[in-house]
Amino acid sequence: MKDEETGLAIASRLEKVTIGFDVEGDPITSLVALESEPPAEMTKDAKMKPNEQTMFSILHAAKRLSTSEWNERAREAGIGEKRKADLYDIRMKLKNKGLVTQLGEQWSVKHD
């Protein structure tokens, strides 16, 4: 949407409508976008688990961090101490949800 906040997820469906008739009496049709319920996977992905919220908050506060800086701050918050792969998994979940972006080793909050 042109005048709305960027990064919003909107569920819609297309519906065929008749907008008139041509000279031969055949219908002239178009498509309109109608609001619909989001798919279950869309609403599930929009929610963050507690560790994802913490990791997101760390990056949001800093605006931009390298992977190693983000890992270090996450460990200070108690994330990734038992399983180092947790840090990678959480970063990828945030990225896949469209909340953060990565450019090389630099991470930032998307649409902030």
N, C-alpha and C. Protein backbone atom coordinates (compact mmCIF):
# COMPACT_ATOMS: atom_id res chain seq x y z
N MET A 1 0.84 -1.17 0.00
CA MET A 1 0.00 0.00 0.00
C MET A 1 0.88 1.23 0.00
N LYS A 2 0.53 2.15 -0.80
CA LYS A 2 1.35 3.33 -0.99
C LYS A 2 1.52 4.17 0.28
N ASP A 3 0.46 4.38 1.02
CA ASP A 3 0.52 5.31 2.15
C ASP A 3 0.57 4.63 3.51
N GLU A 4 0.80 3.34 3.54
CA GLU A 4 0.85 2.62 4.80
C GLU A 4 2.29 2.35 5.21
N GLU A 5 2.46 1.92 6.43
CA GLU A 5 3.76 1.55 6.97
C GLU A 5 4.36 0.42 6.12
N THR A 6 5.65 0.48 5.86
CA THR A 6 6.29 -0.58 5.08
C THR A 6 6.48 -1.81 5.93
N GLY A 7 6.56 -2.96 5.28
CA GLY A 7 6.83 -4.22 5.97
C GLY A 7 5.62 -4.92 6.52
N LEU A 8 4.42 -4.40 6.28
CA LEU A 8 3.21 -5.06 6.78
C LEU A 8 2.85 -6.24 5.89
N ALA A 9 2.39 -7.31 6.49
CA ALA A 9 1.91 -8.47 5.74
C ALA A 9 0.39 -8.37 5.64
N ILE A 10 -0.12 -8.45 4.43
CA ILE A 10 -1.55 -8.33 4.21
C ILE A 10 -2.01 -9.54 3.41
N ALA A 11 -3.05 -10.20 3.89
CA ALA A 11 -3.61 -11.35 3.18
C ALA A 11 -4.77 -10.87 2.32
N SER A 12 -4.78 -11.29 1.06
CA SER A 12 -5.86 -10.91 0.16
C SER A 12 -6.14 -12.04 -0.81
N ARG A 13 -7.27 -11.92 -1.48
CA ARG A 13 -7.63 -12.87 -2.52
C ARG A 13 -8.19 -12.08 -3.68
N LEU A 14 -8.11 -12.64 -4.88
CA LEU A 14 -8.64 -11.99 -6.07
C LEU A 14 -10.00 -12.57 -6.40
N GLU A 15 -10.91 -11.69 -6.79
CA GLU A 15 -12.24 -12.13 -7.20
C GLU A 15 -12.57 -11.50 -8.54
N LYS A 16 -13.08 -12.30 -9.46
CA LYS A 16 -13.46 -11.84 -10.80
C LYS A 16 -14.81 -11.14 -10.71
N VAL A 17 -14.89 -9.94 -11.30
CA VAL A 17 -16.14 -9.18 -11.32
C VAL A 17 -16.44 -8.72 -12.74
N THR A 18 -17.71 -8.61 -13.07
CA THR A 18 -18.13 -8.07 -14.36
C THR A 18 -18.27 -6.56 -14.20
N ILE A 19 -17.60 -5.81 -15.07
CA ILE A 19 -17.64 -4.35 -14.98
C ILE A 19 -18.45 -3.72 -16.11
N GLY A 20 -18.95 -4.53 -17.01
CA GLY A 20 -19.75 -4.02 -18.11
C GLY A 20 -19.86 -5.06 -19.22
N PHE A 21 -20.36 -4.61 -20.35
CA PHE A 21 -20.51 -5.51 -21.49
C PHE A 21 -20.01 -4.81 -22.74
N ASP A 22 -19.41 -5.56 -23.67
CA ASP A 22 -18.95 -4.98 -24.92
C ASP A 22 -20.13 -4.86 -25.89
N VAL A 23 -19.85 -4.35 -27.11
CA VAL A 23 -20.92 -4.09 -28.08
C VAL A 23 -21.62 -5.37 -28.51
N GLU A 24 -20.99 -6.50 -28.36
CA GLU A 24 -21.60 -7.78 -28.74
C GLU A 24 -22.33 -8.44 -27.57
N GLY A 25 -22.34 -7.78 -26.43
CA GLY A 25 -23.05 -8.31 -25.27
C GLY A 25 -22.22 -9.24 -24.40
N ASP A 26 -20.94 -9.41 -24.74
CA ASP A 26 -20.07 -10.26 -23.92
C ASP A 26 -19.61 -9.49 -22.68
N PRO A 27 -19.49 -10.18 -21.57
CA PRO A 27 -19.08 -9.48 -20.34
C PRO A 27 -17.63 -9.00 -20.41
N ILE A 28 -17.40 -7.84 -19.83
CA ILE A 28 -16.05 -7.30 -19.64
C ILE A 28 -15.75 -7.52 -18.16
N THR A 29 -14.68 -8.25 -17.87
CA THR A 29 -14.38 -8.59 -16.49
C THR A 29 -13.03 -8.03 -16.05
N SER A 30 -12.87 -7.95 -14.76
CA SER A 30 -11.61 -7.53 -14.15
C SER A 30 -11.47 -8.28 -12.84
N LEU A 31 -10.37 -8.06 -12.16
CA LEU A 31 -10.14 -8.66 -10.85
C LEU A 31 -10.09 -7.57 -9.79
N VAL A 32 -10.65 -7.87 -8.64
CA VAL A 32 -10.54 -6.97 -7.49
C VAL A 32 -9.87 -7.73 -6.36
N ALA A 33 -9.07 -7.03 -5.58
CA ALA A 33 -8.41 -7.63 -4.42
C ALA A 33 -9.31 -7.42 -3.22
N LEU A 34 -9.60 -8.51 -2.53
CA LEU A 34 -10.42 -8.46 -1.32
C LEU A 34 -9.62 -8.96 -0.14
N GLU A 35 -9.87 -8.37 1.01
CA GLU A 35 -9.18 -8.81 2.23
C GLU A 35 -9.63 -10.22 2.59
N SER A 36 -8.70 -11.02 3.07
CA SER A 36 -9.03 -12.37 3.50
C SER A 36 -8.25 -12.71 4.76
N GLU A 37 -8.59 -13.84 5.35
CA GLU A 37 -7.87 -14.32 6.53
C GLU A 37 -6.48 -14.79 6.11
N PRO A 38 -5.46 -14.45 6.87
CA PRO A 38 -4.12 -14.93 6.53
C PRO A 38 -4.03 -16.44 6.70
N PRO A 39 -3.21 -17.09 5.87
CA PRO A 39 -3.00 -18.53 6.06
C PRO A 39 -2.40 -18.79 7.44
N ALA A 40 -2.61 -19.99 7.96
CA ALA A 40 -2.12 -20.34 9.30
C ALA A 40 -0.63 -20.13 9.41
N GLU A 41 0.14 -20.49 8.37
CA GLU A 41 1.59 -20.34 8.47
C GLU A 41 2.00 -18.88 8.51
N MET A 42 1.20 -17.98 7.94
CA MET A 42 1.52 -16.56 7.95
C MET A 42 1.37 -15.98 9.36
N THR A 43 0.31 -16.32 10.05
CA THR A 43 0.10 -15.81 11.40
C THR A 43 1.09 -16.42 12.38
N LYS A 44 1.44 -17.70 12.16
CA LYS A 44 2.40 -18.37 13.04
C LYS A 44 3.77 -17.73 12.92
N ASP A 45 4.21 -17.44 11.69
CA ASP A 45 5.53 -16.88 11.47
C ASP A 45 5.66 -15.45 11.97
N ALA A 46 4.55 -14.74 12.06
CA ALA A 46 4.60 -13.35 12.48
C ALA A 46 4.96 -13.23 13.96
N LYS A 47 4.75 -14.27 14.73
CA LYS A 47 5.04 -14.23 16.16
C LYS A 47 6.49 -14.62 16.41
N MET A 48 7.09 -13.95 17.39
CA MET A 48 8.47 -14.27 17.75
C MET A 48 8.49 -14.99 19.08
N LYS A 49 9.36 -15.98 19.17
CA LYS A 49 9.60 -16.67 20.44
C LYS A 49 10.46 -15.76 21.31
N PRO A 50 10.53 -16.03 22.62
CA PRO A 50 11.28 -15.14 23.52
C PRO A 50 12.73 -14.88 23.09
N ASN A 51 13.48 -15.91 22.69
CA ASN A 51 14.87 -15.68 22.27
C ASN A 51 14.94 -14.88 20.98
N GLU A 52 13.97 -15.06 20.09
CA GLU A 52 13.92 -14.26 18.86
C GLU A 52 13.65 -12.80 19.21
N GLN A 53 12.75 -12.57 20.16
CA GLN A 53 12.46 -11.20 20.59
C GLN A 53 13.70 -10.54 21.18
N THR A 54 14.44 -11.29 21.98
CA THR A 54 15.66 -10.74 22.57
C THR A 54 16.69 -10.41 21.51
N MET A 55 16.92 -11.35 20.59
CA MET A 55 17.89 -11.11 19.52
C MET A 55 17.47 -9.91 18.66
N PHE A 56 16.18 -9.82 18.36
CA PHE A 56 15.68 -8.70 17.57
C PHE A 56 15.88 -7.39 18.33
N SER A 57 15.59 -7.38 19.63
CA SER A 57 15.76 -6.18 20.44
C SER A 57 17.21 -5.72 20.49
N ILE A 58 18.12 -6.67 20.57
CA ILE A 58 19.56 -6.34 20.59
C ILE A 58 19.94 -5.62 19.31
N LEU A 59 19.51 -6.17 18.18
CA LEU A 59 19.85 -5.55 16.89
C LEU A 59 19.13 -4.22 16.72
N HIS A 60 17.88 -4.16 17.13
CA HIS A 60 17.10 -2.93 17.00
C HIS A 60 17.76 -1.79 17.77
N ALA A 61 18.24 -2.08 18.96
CA ALA A 61 18.88 -1.05 19.78
C ALA A 61 20.18 -0.56 19.15
N ALA A 62 20.91 -1.47 18.52
CA ALA A 62 22.20 -1.11 17.94
C ALA A 62 22.07 -0.54 16.53
N LYS A 63 20.96 -0.82 15.84
CA LYS A 63 20.70 -0.43 14.46
C LYS A 63 21.45 -1.29 13.45
N ARG A 64 22.74 -1.57 13.70
CA ARG A 64 23.54 -2.40 12.79
C ARG A 64 24.64 -3.08 13.59
N LEU A 65 24.82 -4.39 13.34
CA LEU A 65 25.87 -5.16 14.03
C LEU A 65 26.46 -6.17 13.07
N SER A 66 27.73 -6.49 13.29
CA SER A 66 28.33 -7.62 12.57
C SER A 66 27.81 -8.90 13.21
N THR A 67 27.98 -10.01 12.52
CA THR A 67 27.55 -11.30 13.05
C THR A 67 28.22 -11.56 14.40
N SER A 68 29.52 -11.33 14.47
CA SER A 68 30.23 -11.61 15.73
C SER A 68 29.79 -10.68 16.85
N GLU A 69 29.52 -9.40 16.55
CA GLU A 69 29.04 -8.47 17.59
C GLU A 69 27.66 -8.90 18.09
N TRP A 70 26.80 -9.30 17.15
CA TRP A 70 25.44 -9.72 17.52
C TRP A 70 25.50 -10.99 18.37
N ASN A 71 26.37 -11.94 17.97
CA ASN A 71 26.55 -13.17 18.75
C ASN A 71 27.02 -12.86 20.16
N GLU A 72 27.99 -11.98 20.28
CA GLU A 72 28.55 -11.63 21.58
C GLU A 72 27.48 -11.02 22.49
N ARG A 73 26.71 -10.10 21.96
CA ARG A 73 25.66 -9.46 22.77
C ARG A 73 24.56 -10.46 23.13
N ALA A 74 24.26 -11.38 22.23
CA ALA A 74 23.25 -12.41 22.52
C ALA A 74 23.74 -13.33 23.64
N ARG A 75 25.02 -13.71 23.60
CA ARG A 75 25.57 -14.56 24.66
C ARG A 75 25.53 -13.84 26.00
N GLU A 76 25.78 -12.53 25.99
CA GLU A 76 25.70 -11.74 27.22
C GLU A 76 24.27 -11.78 27.78
N ALA A 77 23.29 -11.94 26.88
CA ALA A 77 21.88 -12.02 27.30
C ALA A 77 21.47 -13.46 27.62
N GLY A 78 22.41 -14.40 27.50
CA GLY A 78 22.15 -15.79 27.86
C GLY A 78 21.67 -16.67 26.72
N ILE A 79 21.78 -16.20 25.47
CA ILE A 79 21.34 -16.99 24.32
C ILE A 79 22.57 -17.61 23.65
N GLY A 80 22.48 -18.87 23.30
CA GLY A 80 23.56 -19.54 22.58
C GLY A 80 24.68 -20.05 23.45
N GLU A 81 24.48 -20.08 24.76
CA GLU A 81 25.52 -20.56 25.65
C GLU A 81 25.64 -22.08 25.62
N LYS A 82 24.52 -22.77 25.52
CA LYS A 82 24.54 -24.23 25.52
C LYS A 82 24.74 -24.79 24.13
N ARG A 83 24.15 -24.14 23.13
CA ARG A 83 24.21 -24.63 21.75
C ARG A 83 24.50 -23.44 20.84
N LYS A 84 25.71 -23.39 20.31
CA LYS A 84 26.12 -22.25 19.49
C LYS A 84 25.24 -22.08 18.26
N ALA A 85 24.72 -23.18 17.72
CA ALA A 85 23.89 -23.12 16.51
C ALA A 85 22.58 -22.38 16.76
N ASP A 86 22.17 -22.20 18.03
CA ASP A 86 20.96 -21.45 18.33
C ASP A 86 21.05 -20.03 17.76
N LEU A 87 22.22 -19.43 17.86
CA LEU A 87 22.39 -18.06 17.36
C LEU A 87 22.14 -18.00 15.86
N TYR A 88 22.71 -18.94 15.13
CA TYR A 88 22.49 -19.01 13.68
C TYR A 88 21.01 -19.25 13.38
N ASP A 89 20.41 -20.22 14.07
CA ASP A 89 19.01 -20.56 13.83
C ASP A 89 18.10 -19.36 14.06
N ILE A 90 18.34 -18.64 15.12
CA ILE A 90 17.49 -17.48 15.44
C ILE A 90 17.69 -16.39 14.39
N ARG A 91 18.93 -16.13 13.99
CA ARG A 91 19.18 -15.12 12.95
C ARG A 91 18.43 -15.48 11.67
N MET A 92 18.49 -16.75 11.28
CA MET A 92 17.82 -17.18 10.05
C MET A 92 16.30 -17.08 10.17
N LYS A 93 15.76 -17.37 11.34
CA LYS A 93 14.30 -17.23 11.54
C LYS A 93 13.89 -15.77 11.41
N LEU A 94 14.65 -14.87 12.01
CA LEU A 94 14.35 -13.44 11.90
C LEU A 94 14.47 -12.96 10.46
N LYS A 95 15.48 -13.47 9.77
CA LYS A 95 15.68 -13.10 8.36
C LYS A 95 14.53 -13.63 7.51
N ASN A 96 14.15 -14.89 7.71
CA ASN A 96 13.07 -15.50 6.94
C ASN A 96 11.72 -14.85 7.20
N LYS A 97 11.55 -14.27 8.38
CA LYS A 97 10.31 -13.56 8.70
C LYS A 97 10.32 -12.15 8.14
N GLY A 98 11.44 -11.76 7.54
CA GLY A 98 11.53 -10.43 6.94
C GLY A 98 11.75 -9.32 7.94
N LEU A 99 12.26 -9.66 9.12
CA LEU A 99 12.46 -8.66 10.17
C LEU A 99 13.85 -8.04 10.15
N VAL A 100 14.83 -8.78 9.65
CA VAL A 100 16.21 -8.29 9.60
C VAL A 100 16.78 -8.54 8.21
N THR A 101 17.80 -7.78 7.87
CA THR A 101 18.49 -7.96 6.60
C THR A 101 19.97 -8.18 6.86
N GLN A 102 20.59 -8.86 5.92
CA GLN A 102 22.02 -9.16 6.01
C GLN A 102 22.71 -8.69 4.76
N LEU A 103 23.81 -7.98 4.94
CA LEU A 103 24.67 -7.57 3.84
C LEU A 103 26.08 -7.97 4.23
N GLY A 104 26.54 -9.09 3.69
CA GLY A 104 27.82 -9.64 4.09
C GLY A 104 27.76 -10.08 5.54
N GLU A 105 28.62 -9.51 6.36
CA GLU A 105 28.64 -9.83 7.79
C GLU A 105 27.85 -8.83 8.62
N GLN A 106 27.23 -7.85 7.97
CA GLN A 106 26.48 -6.82 8.68
C GLN A 106 24.99 -7.13 8.68
N TRP A 107 24.37 -6.93 9.83
CA TRP A 107 22.94 -7.16 10.02
C TRP A 107 22.27 -5.87 10.44
N SER A 108 21.04 -5.66 10.00
CA SER A 108 20.27 -4.49 10.44
C SER A 108 18.79 -4.86 10.47
N VAL A 109 18.03 -4.05 11.18
CA VAL A 109 16.58 -4.25 11.27
C VAL A 109 15.98 -3.76 9.96
N LYS A 110 15.09 -4.57 9.40
CA LYS A 110 14.46 -4.22 8.14
C LYS A 110 13.35 -3.21 8.38
N HIS A 111 13.25 -2.20 7.54
CA HIS A 111 12.20 -1.19 7.58
C HIS A 111 12.15 -0.45 8.89
N ASP A 112 13.26 -0.15 9.45
CA ASP A 112 13.29 0.58 10.71
C ASP A 112 13.48 2.06 10.47
